[in-house]
Each structure stands twice: as C-alpha cells, then as structure tokens.
Amino acid sequence: MSNQTQPVATIRGLAEVVLNCHDLAVMVTFYRDLLGLTVISPPERKNPIFLQAGESGEGLPSLLVLVQMQGELEPFVKPRTLHHLALTIPAESFDATMTALTGRGFTVRTGQHPVIPSRTMYIDDPEGNEVELIAPA
C-alpha cells in the first residue's frame, strides 16, 4: 500500500458499521489515508477508533468503528459474517478513483447493483473485508 496521503475517494455516506481488526493501525491507515475517512476519536482513545464517513442525517455523523481484537487470534476466514461494506462516492470521481486504486496495486472488481442504477467497484481492505465504492449512474 502506498504512503501517499491523498485519498482516492470522497465518501458521502455510511450507516455505522463496526469491524473487528487484527491490526488496528493498518486498518486505520487504509480507511483514513486511502479512502479519506476522518478519525474523530480523541487522541487518547486507542481502541476502538471512530472514523466519520459523511453525515447520516439529523446532524449526526456516519461512523465506521474499528475495534482491535485482543490476544493471539487466527486470521479471518471466508465466509465472513460481513458480506461487504458499501461507501458512496461522487459519480464524477468514479473513473479517477478506479484508476488511482489500480495504480496503487489494488485489484479492482466491478459489478452491477441489482436494484439501484449505479456504478460499483470493489476492493479488499487489509483484513480481507470487501469494500464497495458505489456512485450514481
């Protein structure tokens, strides 16, 4: 993964999702530095880490919460409880986001939403969770 700090996506919405992590620092780097989510946890809070992903409505932030699991644990295996996490991006940035992710070494998969007219792409985060980036068609 690149050390570049410029995010490749502008996230506009997400309902709160909590992910367990083996390596909290790597996951924070992925969601904060690559996808551009903002850490809103106070600096003294080490676990869990709260990241804001836009607004959920009523003036409340949409959150992604990363929780460091404790002890010696085996890696996650498929099938996982979480099927995937979908984050919205602006339609006008879709192609540039795909190009930037590919340029940073990610395998980008595409798909078609079965109900919503949209464009979708998928990548895996460092813990193997599938992350969908979805934009209006």
N, C-alpha and C. Protein backbone atom coordinates (compact mmCIF):
# COMPACT_ATOMS: atom_id res chain seq x y z
N MET A 1 0.86 -1.18 0.00
CA MET A 1 0.00 0.00 0.00
C MET A 1 0.90 1.24 0.00
N SER A 2 0.51 2.25 -0.70
CA SER A 2 1.28 3.47 -0.83
C SER A 2 1.21 4.30 0.44
N ASN A 3 2.25 5.09 0.68
CA ASN A 3 2.26 6.01 1.82
C ASN A 3 1.70 7.38 1.45
N GLN A 4 1.18 7.52 0.23
CA GLN A 4 0.62 8.80 -0.19
C GLN A 4 -0.57 9.13 0.70
N THR A 5 -0.72 10.42 1.04
CA THR A 5 -1.80 10.82 1.94
C THR A 5 -3.03 11.33 1.21
N GLN A 6 -2.98 11.47 -0.10
CA GLN A 6 -4.13 11.96 -0.86
C GLN A 6 -5.15 10.84 -1.01
N PRO A 7 -6.35 11.01 -0.45
CA PRO A 7 -7.35 9.96 -0.60
C PRO A 7 -7.79 9.82 -2.06
N VAL A 8 -8.24 8.62 -2.42
CA VAL A 8 -8.68 8.37 -3.78
C VAL A 8 -10.20 8.41 -3.91
N ALA A 9 -10.91 8.64 -2.80
CA ALA A 9 -12.37 8.67 -2.84
C ALA A 9 -12.90 9.72 -1.88
N THR A 10 -14.02 10.32 -2.22
CA THR A 10 -14.72 11.23 -1.33
C THR A 10 -15.97 10.49 -0.85
N ILE A 11 -15.95 10.08 0.40
CA ILE A 11 -17.05 9.31 0.95
C ILE A 11 -18.14 10.28 1.39
N ARG A 12 -19.39 10.00 0.99
CA ARG A 12 -20.51 10.89 1.32
C ARG A 12 -21.52 10.28 2.26
N GLY A 13 -21.49 9.00 2.52
CA GLY A 13 -22.49 8.45 3.42
C GLY A 13 -22.21 7.03 3.84
N LEU A 14 -22.64 6.71 5.07
CA LEU A 14 -22.49 5.38 5.62
C LEU A 14 -23.27 5.30 6.91
N ALA A 15 -24.03 4.24 7.10
CA ALA A 15 -24.62 3.97 8.40
C ALA A 15 -23.50 3.34 9.24
N GLU A 16 -23.57 3.48 10.58
CA GLU A 16 -22.48 2.98 11.42
C GLU A 16 -22.24 1.49 11.21
N VAL A 17 -20.98 1.16 11.02
CA VAL A 17 -20.53 -0.22 10.89
C VAL A 17 -19.35 -0.38 11.82
N VAL A 18 -19.30 -1.51 12.53
CA VAL A 18 -18.19 -1.81 13.44
C VAL A 18 -17.46 -3.03 12.91
N LEU A 19 -16.15 -2.90 12.70
CA LEU A 19 -15.33 -4.01 12.21
C LEU A 19 -14.30 -4.41 13.25
N ASN A 20 -14.20 -5.70 13.53
CA ASN A 20 -13.11 -6.22 14.35
C ASN A 20 -11.85 -6.27 13.51
N CYS A 21 -10.70 -6.00 14.15
CA CYS A 21 -9.43 -5.92 13.43
C CYS A 21 -8.35 -6.71 14.15
N HIS A 22 -7.49 -7.35 13.37
CA HIS A 22 -6.28 -7.95 13.92
C HIS A 22 -5.20 -6.87 14.09
N ASP A 23 -5.09 -5.97 13.13
CA ASP A 23 -4.07 -4.92 13.14
C ASP A 23 -4.77 -3.56 12.98
N LEU A 24 -5.08 -2.94 14.10
CA LEU A 24 -5.83 -1.69 14.10
C LEU A 24 -5.10 -0.58 13.33
N ALA A 25 -3.79 -0.47 13.49
CA ALA A 25 -3.04 0.60 12.82
C ALA A 25 -3.12 0.49 11.30
N VAL A 26 -3.00 -0.72 10.77
CA VAL A 26 -3.08 -0.92 9.32
C VAL A 26 -4.47 -0.58 8.82
N MET A 27 -5.50 -0.97 9.57
CA MET A 27 -6.88 -0.68 9.16
C MET A 27 -7.16 0.83 9.21
N VAL A 28 -6.66 1.52 10.23
CA VAL A 28 -6.85 2.97 10.31
C VAL A 28 -6.18 3.63 9.11
N THR A 29 -4.97 3.19 8.76
CA THR A 29 -4.26 3.75 7.61
C THR A 29 -5.06 3.55 6.33
N PHE A 30 -5.62 2.37 6.12
CA PHE A 30 -6.42 2.09 4.92
C PHE A 30 -7.63 3.01 4.83
N TYR A 31 -8.44 3.07 5.87
CA TYR A 31 -9.68 3.85 5.82
C TYR A 31 -9.43 5.36 5.91
N ARG A 32 -8.42 5.78 6.67
CA ARG A 32 -8.13 7.22 6.81
C ARG A 32 -7.35 7.73 5.60
N ASP A 33 -6.24 7.09 5.27
CA ASP A 33 -5.32 7.64 4.26
C ASP A 33 -5.71 7.29 2.84
N LEU A 34 -6.19 6.08 2.58
CA LEU A 34 -6.55 5.69 1.23
C LEU A 34 -7.94 6.18 0.86
N LEU A 35 -8.93 5.93 1.74
CA LEU A 35 -10.31 6.28 1.41
C LEU A 35 -10.75 7.63 1.95
N GLY A 36 -9.95 8.28 2.79
CA GLY A 36 -10.22 9.66 3.18
C GLY A 36 -11.19 9.85 4.33
N LEU A 37 -11.50 8.80 5.11
CA LEU A 37 -12.37 8.98 6.27
C LEU A 37 -11.60 9.75 7.35
N THR A 38 -12.32 10.48 8.20
CA THR A 38 -11.71 11.32 9.22
C THR A 38 -11.81 10.66 10.58
N VAL A 39 -10.67 10.52 11.27
CA VAL A 39 -10.68 10.00 12.64
C VAL A 39 -11.28 11.06 13.54
N ILE A 40 -12.34 10.70 14.28
CA ILE A 40 -12.96 11.66 15.20
C ILE A 40 -12.76 11.25 16.66
N SER A 41 -12.06 10.15 16.90
CA SER A 41 -11.74 9.75 18.26
C SER A 41 -10.76 10.73 18.86
N PRO A 42 -10.89 11.04 20.16
CA PRO A 42 -9.87 11.86 20.80
C PRO A 42 -8.52 11.13 20.77
N PRO A 43 -7.42 11.87 20.71
CA PRO A 43 -6.09 11.23 20.59
C PRO A 43 -5.78 10.22 21.70
N GLU A 44 -6.34 10.43 22.89
CA GLU A 44 -6.05 9.49 23.99
C GLU A 44 -6.81 8.17 23.84
N ARG A 45 -7.82 8.12 22.97
CA ARG A 45 -8.58 6.88 22.77
C ARG A 45 -7.81 6.01 21.79
N LYS A 46 -7.40 4.85 22.26
CA LYS A 46 -6.61 3.94 21.43
C LYS A 46 -7.43 2.79 20.85
N ASN A 47 -8.58 2.47 21.45
CA ASN A 47 -9.39 1.35 20.98
C ASN A 47 -10.76 1.45 21.63
N PRO A 48 -11.84 1.46 20.87
CA PRO A 48 -11.90 1.44 19.41
C PRO A 48 -11.61 2.82 18.82
N ILE A 49 -11.42 2.85 17.52
CA ILE A 49 -11.18 4.09 16.79
C ILE A 49 -12.44 4.39 15.96
N PHE A 50 -12.94 5.63 16.10
CA PHE A 50 -14.14 6.07 15.38
C PHE A 50 -13.72 6.95 14.21
N LEU A 51 -14.23 6.61 13.03
CA LEU A 51 -13.96 7.39 11.83
C LEU A 51 -15.29 7.87 11.27
N GLN A 52 -15.31 9.12 10.79
CA GLN A 52 -16.53 9.69 10.22
C GLN A 52 -16.52 9.50 8.71
N ALA A 53 -17.67 9.06 8.18
CA ALA A 53 -17.83 8.85 6.74
C ALA A 53 -19.05 9.62 6.26
N GLY A 54 -19.00 10.93 6.33
CA GLY A 54 -20.12 11.75 5.90
C GLY A 54 -21.15 11.92 7.00
N GLU A 55 -22.34 12.33 6.60
CA GLU A 55 -23.44 12.58 7.53
C GLU A 55 -24.54 11.55 7.31
N SER A 56 -25.12 11.06 8.39
CA SER A 56 -26.21 10.10 8.26
C SER A 56 -27.56 10.77 8.26
N GLY A 57 -27.62 12.05 8.56
CA GLY A 57 -28.87 12.79 8.66
C GLY A 57 -29.08 13.27 10.07
N GLU A 58 -29.97 14.24 10.23
CA GLU A 58 -30.26 14.80 11.56
C GLU A 58 -29.01 15.34 12.25
N GLY A 59 -28.01 15.72 11.48
CA GLY A 59 -26.79 16.30 12.04
C GLY A 59 -25.87 15.32 12.72
N LEU A 60 -26.12 14.02 12.58
CA LEU A 60 -25.27 13.00 13.20
C LEU A 60 -24.28 12.46 12.17
N PRO A 61 -23.05 12.19 12.59
CA PRO A 61 -22.09 11.65 11.63
C PRO A 61 -22.37 10.18 11.34
N SER A 62 -22.02 9.77 10.13
CA SER A 62 -21.99 8.35 9.79
C SER A 62 -20.64 7.83 10.24
N LEU A 63 -20.62 6.69 10.90
CA LEU A 63 -19.39 6.21 11.51
C LEU A 63 -18.98 4.83 11.03
N LEU A 64 -17.68 4.65 10.92
CA LEU A 64 -17.05 3.35 10.80
C LEU A 64 -16.22 3.21 12.07
N VAL A 65 -16.44 2.15 12.82
CA VAL A 65 -15.74 1.95 14.08
C VAL A 65 -14.84 0.72 13.94
N LEU A 66 -13.55 0.90 14.23
CA LEU A 66 -12.57 -0.18 14.14
C LEU A 66 -12.19 -0.60 15.55
N VAL A 67 -12.32 -1.90 15.83
CA VAL A 67 -12.06 -2.44 17.17
C VAL A 67 -10.91 -3.42 17.10
N GLN A 68 -9.84 -3.14 17.84
CA GLN A 68 -8.69 -4.04 17.93
C GLN A 68 -9.07 -5.24 18.78
N MET A 69 -8.99 -6.43 18.19
CA MET A 69 -9.25 -7.66 18.95
C MET A 69 -8.04 -7.96 19.82
N GLN A 70 -8.26 -8.63 20.92
CA GLN A 70 -7.20 -8.90 21.88
C GLN A 70 -6.73 -10.34 21.78
N GLY A 71 -5.47 -10.56 22.11
CA GLY A 71 -4.92 -11.91 22.17
C GLY A 71 -4.44 -12.42 20.83
N GLU A 72 -3.91 -13.63 20.86
CA GLU A 72 -3.43 -14.30 19.65
C GLU A 72 -4.61 -14.92 18.95
N LEU A 73 -4.98 -14.39 17.80
CA LEU A 73 -6.15 -14.86 17.08
C LEU A 73 -5.78 -15.29 15.68
N GLU A 74 -6.49 -16.26 15.17
CA GLU A 74 -6.29 -16.73 13.81
C GLU A 74 -6.82 -15.68 12.83
N PRO A 75 -6.27 -15.64 11.62
CA PRO A 75 -6.81 -14.74 10.60
C PRO A 75 -8.27 -15.07 10.31
N PHE A 76 -9.01 -14.08 9.83
CA PHE A 76 -10.40 -14.31 9.44
C PHE A 76 -10.42 -15.26 8.24
N VAL A 77 -11.47 -16.05 8.16
CA VAL A 77 -11.64 -16.95 7.02
C VAL A 77 -13.01 -16.71 6.40
N LYS A 78 -13.13 -17.04 5.13
CA LYS A 78 -14.41 -16.90 4.45
C LYS A 78 -15.22 -18.16 4.66
N PRO A 79 -16.53 -18.14 4.70
CA PRO A 79 -17.33 -16.92 4.58
C PRO A 79 -17.31 -16.13 5.87
N ARG A 80 -17.35 -14.81 5.74
CA ARG A 80 -17.34 -13.91 6.88
C ARG A 80 -18.77 -13.49 7.19
N THR A 81 -18.99 -13.01 8.40
CA THR A 81 -20.31 -12.51 8.78
C THR A 81 -20.68 -11.29 7.95
N LEU A 82 -19.73 -10.38 7.78
CA LEU A 82 -19.95 -9.17 6.98
C LEU A 82 -19.76 -9.53 5.51
N HIS A 83 -20.79 -9.35 4.71
CA HIS A 83 -20.65 -9.62 3.27
C HIS A 83 -19.79 -8.56 2.62
N HIS A 84 -20.17 -7.29 2.77
CA HIS A 84 -19.33 -6.19 2.32
C HIS A 84 -19.83 -4.88 2.91
N LEU A 85 -18.99 -3.87 2.80
CA LEU A 85 -19.25 -2.52 3.28
C LEU A 85 -19.34 -1.64 2.04
N ALA A 86 -20.42 -0.86 1.90
CA ALA A 86 -20.59 0.00 0.72
C ALA A 86 -20.45 1.46 1.13
N LEU A 87 -19.58 2.17 0.43
CA LEU A 87 -19.34 3.59 0.66
C LEU A 87 -19.69 4.34 -0.62
N THR A 88 -20.36 5.47 -0.48
CA THR A 88 -20.76 6.24 -1.66
C THR A 88 -19.67 7.23 -2.06
N ILE A 89 -19.51 7.38 -3.37
CA ILE A 89 -18.58 8.37 -3.92
C ILE A 89 -19.32 9.16 -5.01
N PRO A 90 -18.84 10.35 -5.33
CA PRO A 90 -19.48 11.14 -6.39
C PRO A 90 -19.32 10.47 -7.75
N ALA A 91 -20.35 10.57 -8.58
CA ALA A 91 -20.33 9.96 -9.92
C ALA A 91 -19.14 10.47 -10.74
N GLU A 92 -18.84 11.77 -10.60
CA GLU A 92 -17.78 12.35 -11.43
C GLU A 92 -16.38 11.87 -11.05
N SER A 93 -16.23 11.23 -9.88
CA SER A 93 -14.91 10.75 -9.48
C SER A 93 -14.73 9.25 -9.67
N PHE A 94 -15.75 8.57 -10.19
CA PHE A 94 -15.70 7.11 -10.27
C PHE A 94 -14.50 6.60 -11.07
N ASP A 95 -14.34 7.06 -12.30
CA ASP A 95 -13.26 6.57 -13.15
C ASP A 95 -11.88 6.91 -12.58
N ALA A 96 -11.72 8.12 -12.07
CA ALA A 96 -10.44 8.52 -11.49
C ALA A 96 -10.12 7.69 -10.24
N THR A 97 -11.14 7.38 -9.44
CA THR A 97 -10.94 6.56 -8.25
C THR A 97 -10.48 5.16 -8.65
N MET A 98 -11.12 4.58 -9.67
CA MET A 98 -10.73 3.25 -10.14
C MET A 98 -9.29 3.25 -10.63
N THR A 99 -8.93 4.26 -11.41
CA THR A 99 -7.57 4.37 -11.93
C THR A 99 -6.56 4.52 -10.79
N ALA A 100 -6.89 5.35 -9.80
CA ALA A 100 -5.97 5.56 -8.67
C ALA A 100 -5.79 4.29 -7.85
N LEU A 101 -6.87 3.56 -7.61
CA LEU A 101 -6.76 2.31 -6.84
C LEU A 101 -5.93 1.27 -7.59
N THR A 102 -6.16 1.15 -8.89
CA THR A 102 -5.37 0.21 -9.70
C THR A 102 -3.90 0.61 -9.68
N GLY A 103 -3.64 1.92 -9.78
CA GLY A 103 -2.28 2.42 -9.74
C GLY A 103 -1.57 2.16 -8.43
N ARG A 104 -2.33 2.01 -7.36
CA ARG A 104 -1.74 1.72 -6.05
C ARG A 104 -1.68 0.22 -5.77
N GLY A 105 -1.96 -0.58 -6.78
CA GLY A 105 -1.78 -2.02 -6.65
C GLY A 105 -3.00 -2.81 -6.21
N PHE A 106 -4.15 -2.17 -6.12
CA PHE A 106 -5.36 -2.89 -5.72
C PHE A 106 -5.97 -3.60 -6.93
N THR A 107 -6.50 -4.77 -6.69
CA THR A 107 -7.29 -5.47 -7.69
C THR A 107 -8.71 -4.95 -7.57
N VAL A 108 -9.16 -4.23 -8.58
CA VAL A 108 -10.49 -3.62 -8.57
C VAL A 108 -11.44 -4.52 -9.35
N ARG A 109 -12.51 -4.90 -8.69
CA ARG A 109 -13.56 -5.70 -9.32
C ARG A 109 -14.77 -4.82 -9.55
N THR A 110 -15.49 -5.05 -10.64
CA THR A 110 -16.69 -4.26 -10.91
C THR A 110 -17.91 -5.16 -10.82
N GLY A 111 -19.06 -4.52 -10.76
CA GLY A 111 -20.29 -5.27 -10.68
C GLY A 111 -21.47 -4.38 -11.05
N GLN A 112 -22.64 -4.93 -10.95
CA GLN A 112 -23.86 -4.18 -11.24
C GLN A 112 -24.82 -4.39 -10.08
N HIS A 113 -25.26 -3.30 -9.48
CA HIS A 113 -26.24 -3.40 -8.40
C HIS A 113 -27.54 -3.94 -8.97
N PRO A 114 -28.20 -4.89 -8.29
CA PRO A 114 -29.40 -5.49 -8.85
C PRO A 114 -30.64 -4.60 -8.81
N VAL A 115 -30.60 -3.49 -8.06
CA VAL A 115 -31.79 -2.66 -7.89
C VAL A 115 -31.53 -1.20 -8.21
N ILE A 116 -30.42 -0.65 -7.75
CA ILE A 116 -30.13 0.78 -7.85
C ILE A 116 -29.33 1.07 -9.13
N PRO A 117 -29.78 2.02 -9.96
CA PRO A 117 -28.97 2.42 -11.12
C PRO A 117 -27.68 3.08 -10.61
N SER A 118 -26.58 2.40 -10.80
CA SER A 118 -25.33 2.88 -10.23
C SER A 118 -24.14 2.25 -10.93
N ARG A 119 -22.96 2.74 -10.57
CA ARG A 119 -21.69 2.14 -10.96
C ARG A 119 -21.04 1.66 -9.69
N THR A 120 -20.49 0.46 -9.71
CA THR A 120 -19.88 -0.08 -8.50
C THR A 120 -18.50 -0.66 -8.80
N MET A 121 -17.64 -0.58 -7.79
CA MET A 121 -16.35 -1.26 -7.83
C MET A 121 -16.07 -1.80 -6.43
N TYR A 122 -15.23 -2.81 -6.37
CA TYR A 122 -14.94 -3.48 -5.10
C TYR A 122 -13.44 -3.67 -4.95
N ILE A 123 -12.96 -3.46 -3.71
CA ILE A 123 -11.59 -3.78 -3.33
C ILE A 123 -11.66 -4.46 -1.96
N ASP A 124 -10.56 -5.04 -1.54
CA ASP A 124 -10.48 -5.64 -0.21
C ASP A 124 -9.62 -4.77 0.69
N ASP A 125 -10.07 -4.59 1.95
CA ASP A 125 -9.25 -3.87 2.91
C ASP A 125 -8.17 -4.81 3.45
N PRO A 126 -7.24 -4.32 4.28
CA PRO A 126 -6.14 -5.16 4.75
C PRO A 126 -6.56 -6.40 5.55
N GLU A 127 -7.77 -6.42 6.11
CA GLU A 127 -8.25 -7.57 6.86
C GLU A 127 -9.08 -8.51 6.00
N GLY A 128 -9.22 -8.20 4.70
CA GLY A 128 -9.96 -9.06 3.79
C GLY A 128 -11.44 -8.73 3.65
N ASN A 129 -11.90 -7.63 4.27
CA ASN A 129 -13.29 -7.21 4.10
C ASN A 129 -13.47 -6.63 2.71
N GLU A 130 -14.56 -6.99 2.05
CA GLU A 130 -14.85 -6.42 0.75
C GLU A 130 -15.45 -5.03 0.94
N VAL A 131 -14.88 -4.04 0.24
CA VAL A 131 -15.34 -2.65 0.31
C VAL A 131 -15.86 -2.28 -1.08
N GLU A 132 -17.14 -1.92 -1.13
CA GLU A 132 -17.76 -1.47 -2.38
C GLU A 132 -17.74 0.05 -2.39
N LEU A 133 -17.33 0.62 -3.51
CA LEU A 133 -17.46 2.05 -3.75
C LEU A 133 -18.53 2.20 -4.81
N ILE A 134 -19.59 2.92 -4.47
CA ILE A 134 -20.78 3.00 -5.33
C ILE A 134 -21.08 4.46 -5.65
N ALA A 135 -21.40 4.70 -6.92
CA ALA A 135 -21.73 6.06 -7.38
C ALA A 135 -23.01 6.01 -8.19
N PRO A 136 -23.73 7.12 -8.23
CA PRO A 136 -24.92 7.16 -9.09
C PRO A 136 -24.53 6.90 -10.55
N ALA A 137 -25.45 6.30 -11.29
CA ALA A 137 -25.18 6.00 -12.72
C ALA A 137 -25.07 7.29 -13.51
